[in-house]
Amino acid sequence: MFADFRPRHIPALFSATAMFFGGLWPLFGADGPRATMIEYGLPQHIAEAPEAAPVMVAISGRTTVIGALMYLLYYRRRYDVVDTIMAVMGFYLAVLDPYALYGLASTSWCVFRGVSTFAFGLMGYYGLTAGR
């Protein structure tokens, strides 16, 4: 898997790792979904709502799948597809995360999530992993 590794692959592997293992977090322990929601930036009253836990688990399962797909595509050396996933997710989530958290989390956290996610989108758009 890492025979063709280049330092420019680090953002894609970081992204795949964060999604794969981050998506697994709510599945472990009785406190998993609540802790995940708090780490995401949601306030305590939402994280402790019993109705929110199954939603978090379902969403996190999908996140894990995307991380696994990025690993699989990286393994198959389909770096262009890995870049496409990073671009689409990065640009979409750069808008969605701050929008979802606006008024619920600190403004600096919203800005950080938006800017950092947009940066990963740019890396994907410009084909960093593929070396374009």
N, C-alpha and C. Protein backbone atom coordinates (compact mmCIF):
# COMPACT_ATOMS: atom_id res chain seq x y z
N MET A 1 0.81 -1.20 0.00
CA MET A 1 0.00 0.00 0.00
C MET A 1 0.86 1.26 0.00
N PHE A 2 1.99 1.23 0.67
CA PHE A 2 2.80 2.43 0.77
C PHE A 2 4.05 2.37 -0.09
N ALA A 3 4.09 1.44 -1.05
CA ALA A 3 5.27 1.32 -1.92
C ALA A 3 5.46 2.57 -2.77
N ASP A 4 4.38 3.23 -3.11
CA ASP A 4 4.41 4.41 -3.96
C ASP A 4 4.24 5.71 -3.17
N PHE A 5 4.44 5.66 -1.86
CA PHE A 5 4.18 6.80 -0.98
C PHE A 5 5.07 7.98 -1.32
N ARG A 6 4.43 9.16 -1.34
CA ARG A 6 5.12 10.44 -1.49
C ARG A 6 4.60 11.36 -0.39
N PRO A 7 5.40 12.32 0.06
CA PRO A 7 4.92 13.25 1.08
C PRO A 7 3.64 13.99 0.69
N ARG A 8 3.41 14.18 -0.60
CA ARG A 8 2.19 14.87 -1.03
C ARG A 8 0.93 14.04 -0.76
N HIS A 9 1.10 12.76 -0.40
CA HIS A 9 -0.04 11.90 -0.09
C HIS A 9 -0.53 12.08 1.36
N ILE A 10 0.24 12.77 2.17
CA ILE A 10 -0.09 12.90 3.60
C ILE A 10 -1.48 13.51 3.82
N PRO A 11 -1.86 14.61 3.14
CA PRO A 11 -3.21 15.14 3.40
C PRO A 11 -4.33 14.14 3.09
N ALA A 12 -4.20 13.39 2.01
CA ALA A 12 -5.23 12.40 1.67
C ALA A 12 -5.28 11.28 2.70
N LEU A 13 -4.12 10.82 3.14
CA LEU A 13 -4.10 9.76 4.15
C LEU A 13 -4.59 10.27 5.49
N PHE A 14 -4.27 11.52 5.81
CA PHE A 14 -4.79 12.13 7.04
C PHE A 14 -6.32 12.20 6.98
N SER A 15 -6.84 12.65 5.84
CA SER A 15 -8.27 12.77 5.67
C SER A 15 -8.96 11.40 5.77
N ALA A 16 -8.40 10.40 5.10
CA ALA A 16 -8.97 9.04 5.16
C ALA A 16 -8.93 8.50 6.59
N THR A 17 -7.85 8.74 7.28
CA THR A 17 -7.71 8.25 8.66
C THR A 17 -8.71 8.94 9.59
N ALA A 18 -8.83 10.26 9.45
CA ALA A 18 -9.76 11.01 10.29
C ALA A 18 -11.19 10.55 10.06
N MET A 19 -11.55 10.32 8.81
CA MET A 19 -12.92 9.88 8.52
C MET A 19 -13.16 8.44 8.96
N PHE A 20 -12.21 7.57 8.67
CA PHE A 20 -12.41 6.16 9.01
C PHE A 20 -12.49 5.96 10.52
N PHE A 21 -11.48 6.40 11.23
CA PHE A 21 -11.46 6.18 12.68
C PHE A 21 -12.40 7.13 13.43
N GLY A 22 -12.54 8.35 12.94
CA GLY A 22 -13.50 9.27 13.55
C GLY A 22 -14.92 8.77 13.43
N GLY A 23 -15.22 8.11 12.33
CA GLY A 23 -16.55 7.55 12.14
C GLY A 23 -16.83 6.36 13.03
N LEU A 24 -15.78 5.71 13.48
CA LEU A 24 -15.95 4.57 14.39
C LEU A 24 -16.17 4.99 15.84
N TRP A 25 -15.75 6.21 16.17
CA TRP A 25 -15.79 6.68 17.55
C TRP A 25 -17.15 6.53 18.23
N PRO A 26 -18.27 6.90 17.59
CA PRO A 26 -19.56 6.79 18.29
C PRO A 26 -19.99 5.35 18.58
N LEU A 27 -19.35 4.40 17.95
CA LEU A 27 -19.75 3.00 18.13
C LEU A 27 -19.19 2.38 19.40
N PHE A 28 -18.23 3.04 20.01
CA PHE A 28 -17.55 2.46 21.17
C PHE A 28 -17.97 3.14 22.46
N GLY A 29 -18.46 2.35 23.37
CA GLY A 29 -18.84 2.86 24.69
C GLY A 29 -20.21 3.49 24.68
N ALA A 30 -20.81 3.48 25.83
CA ALA A 30 -22.15 4.06 25.98
C ALA A 30 -22.12 5.57 25.74
N ASP A 31 -20.98 6.19 25.96
CA ASP A 31 -20.84 7.63 25.83
C ASP A 31 -20.37 8.05 24.44
N GLY A 32 -20.18 7.09 23.53
CA GLY A 32 -19.61 7.37 22.22
C GLY A 32 -20.33 8.44 21.42
N PRO A 33 -21.65 8.29 21.19
CA PRO A 33 -22.34 9.32 20.40
C PRO A 33 -22.32 10.70 21.05
N ARG A 34 -22.52 10.76 22.36
CA ARG A 34 -22.52 12.05 23.05
C ARG A 34 -21.15 12.72 22.94
N ALA A 35 -20.11 11.95 23.21
CA ALA A 35 -18.75 12.50 23.15
C ALA A 35 -18.41 12.97 21.73
N THR A 36 -18.86 12.24 20.74
CA THR A 36 -18.61 12.62 19.36
C THR A 36 -19.30 13.94 19.02
N MET A 37 -20.54 14.08 19.45
CA MET A 37 -21.27 15.32 19.17
C MET A 37 -20.62 16.52 19.85
N ILE A 38 -20.15 16.33 21.06
CA ILE A 38 -19.48 17.42 21.78
C ILE A 38 -18.17 17.78 21.08
N GLU A 39 -17.41 16.78 20.65
CA GLU A 39 -16.16 17.04 19.93
C GLU A 39 -16.43 17.76 18.60
N TYR A 40 -17.52 17.43 17.96
CA TYR A 40 -17.90 18.09 16.70
C TYR A 40 -18.21 19.56 16.94
N GLY A 41 -18.68 19.89 18.14
CA GLY A 41 -18.97 21.28 18.46
C GLY A 41 -20.40 21.53 18.88
N LEU A 42 -21.21 20.47 18.94
CA LEU A 42 -22.59 20.65 19.36
C LEU A 42 -22.66 20.87 20.86
N PRO A 43 -23.62 21.65 21.33
CA PRO A 43 -23.73 21.91 22.76
C PRO A 43 -24.23 20.68 23.53
N GLN A 44 -24.01 20.73 24.82
CA GLN A 44 -24.35 19.64 25.73
C GLN A 44 -25.81 19.20 25.62
N HIS A 45 -26.73 20.15 25.56
CA HIS A 45 -28.15 19.79 25.55
C HIS A 45 -28.54 19.00 24.30
N ILE A 46 -27.89 19.23 23.20
CA ILE A 46 -28.16 18.43 21.99
C ILE A 46 -27.47 17.07 22.11
N ALA A 47 -26.23 17.07 22.58
CA ALA A 47 -25.48 15.82 22.70
C ALA A 47 -26.13 14.85 23.67
N GLU A 48 -26.82 15.36 24.66
CA GLU A 48 -27.45 14.49 25.66
C GLU A 48 -28.88 14.09 25.30
N ALA A 49 -29.41 14.59 24.22
CA ALA A 49 -30.76 14.22 23.80
C ALA A 49 -30.73 12.77 23.30
N PRO A 50 -31.56 11.89 23.88
CA PRO A 50 -31.53 10.49 23.49
C PRO A 50 -31.81 10.27 22.00
N GLU A 51 -32.60 11.15 21.40
CA GLU A 51 -32.94 11.01 19.98
C GLU A 51 -31.76 11.30 19.06
N ALA A 52 -30.76 12.02 19.55
CA ALA A 52 -29.63 12.40 18.71
C ALA A 52 -28.62 11.28 18.54
N ALA A 53 -28.53 10.36 19.50
CA ALA A 53 -27.51 9.31 19.45
C ALA A 53 -27.62 8.42 18.21
N PRO A 54 -28.81 7.87 17.88
CA PRO A 54 -28.86 7.02 16.69
C PRO A 54 -28.56 7.77 15.39
N VAL A 55 -28.90 9.05 15.35
CA VAL A 55 -28.59 9.86 14.17
C VAL A 55 -27.07 9.99 14.02
N MET A 56 -26.40 10.24 15.14
CA MET A 56 -24.94 10.38 15.11
C MET A 56 -24.28 9.08 14.68
N VAL A 57 -24.76 7.95 15.17
CA VAL A 57 -24.20 6.65 14.81
C VAL A 57 -24.39 6.40 13.31
N ALA A 58 -25.58 6.69 12.79
CA ALA A 58 -25.85 6.47 11.36
C ALA A 58 -24.97 7.36 10.48
N ILE A 59 -24.85 8.62 10.85
CA ILE A 59 -24.02 9.54 10.07
C ILE A 59 -22.56 9.11 10.14
N SER A 60 -22.11 8.71 11.29
CA SER A 60 -20.72 8.30 11.46
C SER A 60 -20.40 7.04 10.67
N GLY A 61 -21.39 6.16 10.53
CA GLY A 61 -21.18 4.97 9.70
C GLY A 61 -20.88 5.34 8.26
N ARG A 62 -21.58 6.33 7.76
CA ARG A 62 -21.33 6.79 6.40
C ARG A 62 -19.96 7.45 6.28
N THR A 63 -19.56 8.16 7.30
CA THR A 63 -18.23 8.77 7.31
C THR A 63 -17.15 7.70 7.26
N THR A 64 -17.33 6.63 8.02
CA THR A 64 -16.38 5.52 8.02
C THR A 64 -16.27 4.91 6.63
N VAL A 65 -17.39 4.75 5.96
CA VAL A 65 -17.38 4.18 4.61
C VAL A 65 -16.57 5.05 3.66
N ILE A 66 -16.72 6.35 3.74
CA ILE A 66 -15.96 7.24 2.85
C ILE A 66 -14.47 7.14 3.16
N GLY A 67 -14.10 7.08 4.43
CA GLY A 67 -12.69 6.89 4.78
C GLY A 67 -12.16 5.57 4.26
N ALA A 68 -12.94 4.50 4.37
CA ALA A 68 -12.52 3.18 3.86
C ALA A 68 -12.37 3.22 2.34
N LEU A 69 -13.28 3.90 1.65
CA LEU A 69 -13.16 4.03 0.20
C LEU A 69 -11.90 4.79 -0.19
N MET A 70 -11.57 5.83 0.56
CA MET A 70 -10.34 6.57 0.26
C MET A 70 -9.12 5.68 0.45
N TYR A 71 -9.11 4.87 1.51
CA TYR A 71 -8.00 3.91 1.70
C TYR A 71 -7.93 2.93 0.54
N LEU A 72 -9.08 2.38 0.16
CA LEU A 72 -9.11 1.39 -0.93
C LEU A 72 -8.63 2.01 -2.23
N LEU A 73 -9.10 3.20 -2.55
CA LEU A 73 -8.68 3.86 -3.78
C LEU A 73 -7.21 4.26 -3.73
N TYR A 74 -6.72 4.64 -2.57
CA TYR A 74 -5.30 4.93 -2.42
C TYR A 74 -4.49 3.65 -2.65
N TYR A 75 -4.93 2.57 -2.07
CA TYR A 75 -4.27 1.27 -2.24
C TYR A 75 -4.21 0.88 -3.72
N ARG A 76 -5.27 1.17 -4.46
CA ARG A 76 -5.34 0.85 -5.89
C ARG A 76 -4.63 1.90 -6.75
N ARG A 77 -4.03 2.88 -6.10
CA ARG A 77 -3.31 3.96 -6.76
C ARG A 77 -4.20 4.81 -7.66
N ARG A 78 -5.44 4.97 -7.26
CA ARG A 78 -6.37 5.84 -7.98
C ARG A 78 -6.35 7.21 -7.30
N TYR A 79 -5.17 7.82 -7.35
CA TYR A 79 -4.98 9.08 -6.65
C TYR A 79 -5.88 10.19 -7.18
N ASP A 80 -6.21 10.14 -8.46
CA ASP A 80 -7.11 11.15 -9.02
C ASP A 80 -8.50 11.07 -8.39
N VAL A 81 -8.96 9.85 -8.11
CA VAL A 81 -10.28 9.68 -7.49
C VAL A 81 -10.23 10.12 -6.02
N VAL A 82 -9.12 9.81 -5.35
CA VAL A 82 -8.94 10.27 -3.97
C VAL A 82 -8.99 11.79 -3.93
N ASP A 83 -8.34 12.43 -4.87
CA ASP A 83 -8.38 13.89 -4.95
C ASP A 83 -9.80 14.40 -5.20
N THR A 84 -10.55 13.72 -6.04
CA THR A 84 -11.93 14.12 -6.32
C THR A 84 -12.78 14.05 -5.06
N ILE A 85 -12.63 12.98 -4.29
CA ILE A 85 -13.37 12.85 -3.03
C ILE A 85 -12.99 13.99 -2.08
N MET A 86 -11.69 14.26 -1.99
CA MET A 86 -11.25 15.36 -1.11
C MET A 86 -11.82 16.69 -1.56
N ALA A 87 -11.85 16.94 -2.86
CA ALA A 87 -12.35 18.22 -3.37
C ALA A 87 -13.84 18.37 -3.08
N VAL A 88 -14.62 17.37 -3.42
CA VAL A 88 -16.06 17.47 -3.23
C VAL A 88 -16.41 17.59 -1.75
N MET A 89 -15.83 16.72 -0.94
CA MET A 89 -16.11 16.78 0.50
C MET A 89 -15.61 18.09 1.10
N GLY A 90 -14.41 18.49 0.71
CA GLY A 90 -13.83 19.71 1.27
C GLY A 90 -14.66 20.94 0.99
N PHE A 91 -15.07 21.11 -0.27
CA PHE A 91 -15.84 22.30 -0.62
C PHE A 91 -17.24 22.26 -0.02
N TYR A 92 -17.85 21.11 -0.02
CA TYR A 92 -19.21 20.99 0.53
C TYR A 92 -19.21 21.18 2.05
N LEU A 93 -18.30 20.49 2.72
CA LEU A 93 -18.26 20.57 4.19
C LEU A 93 -17.71 21.90 4.69
N ALA A 94 -16.96 22.61 3.86
CA ALA A 94 -16.47 23.93 4.25
C ALA A 94 -17.64 24.90 4.42
N VAL A 95 -18.73 24.63 3.74
CA VAL A 95 -19.94 25.44 3.88
C VAL A 95 -20.87 24.82 4.92
N LEU A 96 -21.05 23.51 4.85
CA LEU A 96 -22.03 22.84 5.71
C LEU A 96 -21.66 22.87 7.20
N ASP A 97 -20.42 22.56 7.54
CA ASP A 97 -20.04 22.52 8.95
C ASP A 97 -20.24 23.86 9.66
N PRO A 98 -19.71 24.96 9.12
CA PRO A 98 -19.97 26.24 9.81
C PRO A 98 -21.45 26.59 9.85
N TYR A 99 -22.19 26.26 8.80
CA TYR A 99 -23.63 26.54 8.78
C TYR A 99 -24.34 25.75 9.89
N ALA A 100 -24.00 24.47 10.02
CA ALA A 100 -24.64 23.62 11.03
C ALA A 100 -24.28 24.06 12.45
N LEU A 101 -23.08 24.58 12.62
CA LEU A 101 -22.61 24.94 13.95
C LEU A 101 -22.84 26.40 14.31
N TYR A 102 -23.21 27.22 13.33
CA TYR A 102 -23.38 28.65 13.60
C TYR A 102 -24.42 28.86 14.69
N GLY A 103 -24.03 29.59 15.70
CA GLY A 103 -24.92 29.86 16.83
C GLY A 103 -24.89 28.79 17.90
N LEU A 104 -24.29 27.65 17.61
CA LEU A 104 -24.21 26.56 18.59
C LEU A 104 -22.80 26.40 19.15
N ALA A 105 -21.82 26.67 18.33
CA ALA A 105 -20.41 26.53 18.73
C ALA A 105 -19.77 27.91 18.68
N SER A 106 -18.56 28.00 19.17
CA SER A 106 -17.86 29.28 19.14
C SER A 106 -17.59 29.70 17.69
N THR A 107 -17.55 30.98 17.46
CA THR A 107 -17.31 31.50 16.11
C THR A 107 -15.95 31.06 15.61
N SER A 108 -14.95 31.05 16.47
CA SER A 108 -13.61 30.65 16.04
C SER A 108 -13.60 29.18 15.61
N TRP A 109 -14.40 28.33 16.29
CA TRP A 109 -14.48 26.92 15.91
C TRP A 109 -15.14 26.79 14.54
N CYS A 110 -16.19 27.56 14.28
CA CYS A 110 -16.86 27.54 12.97
C CYS A 110 -15.90 27.97 11.87
N VAL A 111 -15.16 29.03 12.10
CA VAL A 111 -14.21 29.53 11.11
C VAL A 111 -13.10 28.50 10.88
N PHE A 112 -12.57 27.93 11.96
CA PHE A 112 -11.52 26.92 11.82
C PHE A 112 -12.00 25.75 10.98
N ARG A 113 -13.19 25.23 11.27
CA ARG A 113 -13.72 24.09 10.52
C ARG A 113 -13.90 24.44 9.05
N GLY A 114 -14.43 25.62 8.79
CA GLY A 114 -14.65 26.03 7.40
C GLY A 114 -13.36 26.21 6.63
N VAL A 115 -12.39 26.90 7.22
CA VAL A 115 -11.13 27.19 6.53
C VAL A 115 -10.30 25.91 6.35
N SER A 116 -10.19 25.10 7.39
CA SER A 116 -9.37 23.89 7.26
C SER A 116 -9.98 22.89 6.28
N THR A 117 -11.29 22.77 6.30
CA THR A 117 -11.94 21.85 5.37
C THR A 117 -11.82 22.37 3.94
N PHE A 118 -11.94 23.67 3.75
CA PHE A 118 -11.77 24.26 2.42
C PHE A 118 -10.35 24.02 1.91
N ALA A 119 -9.36 24.08 2.81
CA ALA A 119 -7.98 23.82 2.41
C ALA A 119 -7.82 22.40 1.86
N PHE A 120 -8.47 21.43 2.50
CA PHE A 120 -8.41 20.06 1.99
C PHE A 120 -9.13 19.97 0.64
N GLY A 121 -10.20 20.72 0.48
CA GLY A 121 -10.88 20.76 -0.80
C GLY A 121 -9.98 21.30 -1.90
N LEU A 122 -9.24 22.36 -1.59
CA LEU A 122 -8.29 22.91 -2.57
C LEU A 122 -7.21 21.90 -2.94
N MET A 123 -6.69 21.19 -1.93
CA MET A 123 -5.67 20.18 -2.20
C MET A 123 -6.19 19.10 -3.15
N GLY A 124 -7.43 18.70 -2.93
CA GLY A 124 -8.04 17.72 -3.83
C GLY A 124 -8.29 18.29 -5.20
N TYR A 125 -8.83 19.51 -5.26
CA TYR A 125 -9.15 20.14 -6.54
C TYR A 125 -7.91 20.28 -7.42
N TYR A 126 -6.81 20.66 -6.81
CA TYR A 126 -5.57 20.85 -7.58
C TYR A 126 -4.77 19.56 -7.74
N GLY A 127 -5.31 18.44 -7.31
CA GLY A 127 -4.70 17.14 -7.57
C GLY A 127 -3.40 16.89 -6.83
N LEU A 128 -3.33 17.32 -5.59
CA LEU A 128 -2.10 17.13 -4.82
C LEU A 128 -1.68 15.68 -4.73
N THR A 129 -2.62 14.79 -4.40
CA THR A 129 -2.28 13.38 -4.23
C THR A 129 -1.79 12.77 -5.55
N ALA A 130 -2.44 13.12 -6.64
CA ALA A 130 -2.07 12.58 -7.95
C ALA A 130 -0.81 13.24 -8.51
N GLY A 131 -0.42 14.37 -7.93
CA GLY A 131 0.80 15.05 -8.38
C GLY A 131 0.59 15.87 -9.63
N ARG A 132 -0.61 16.38 -9.82
CA ARG A 132 -0.86 17.21 -11.01
C ARG A 132 -0.38 18.61 -10.81
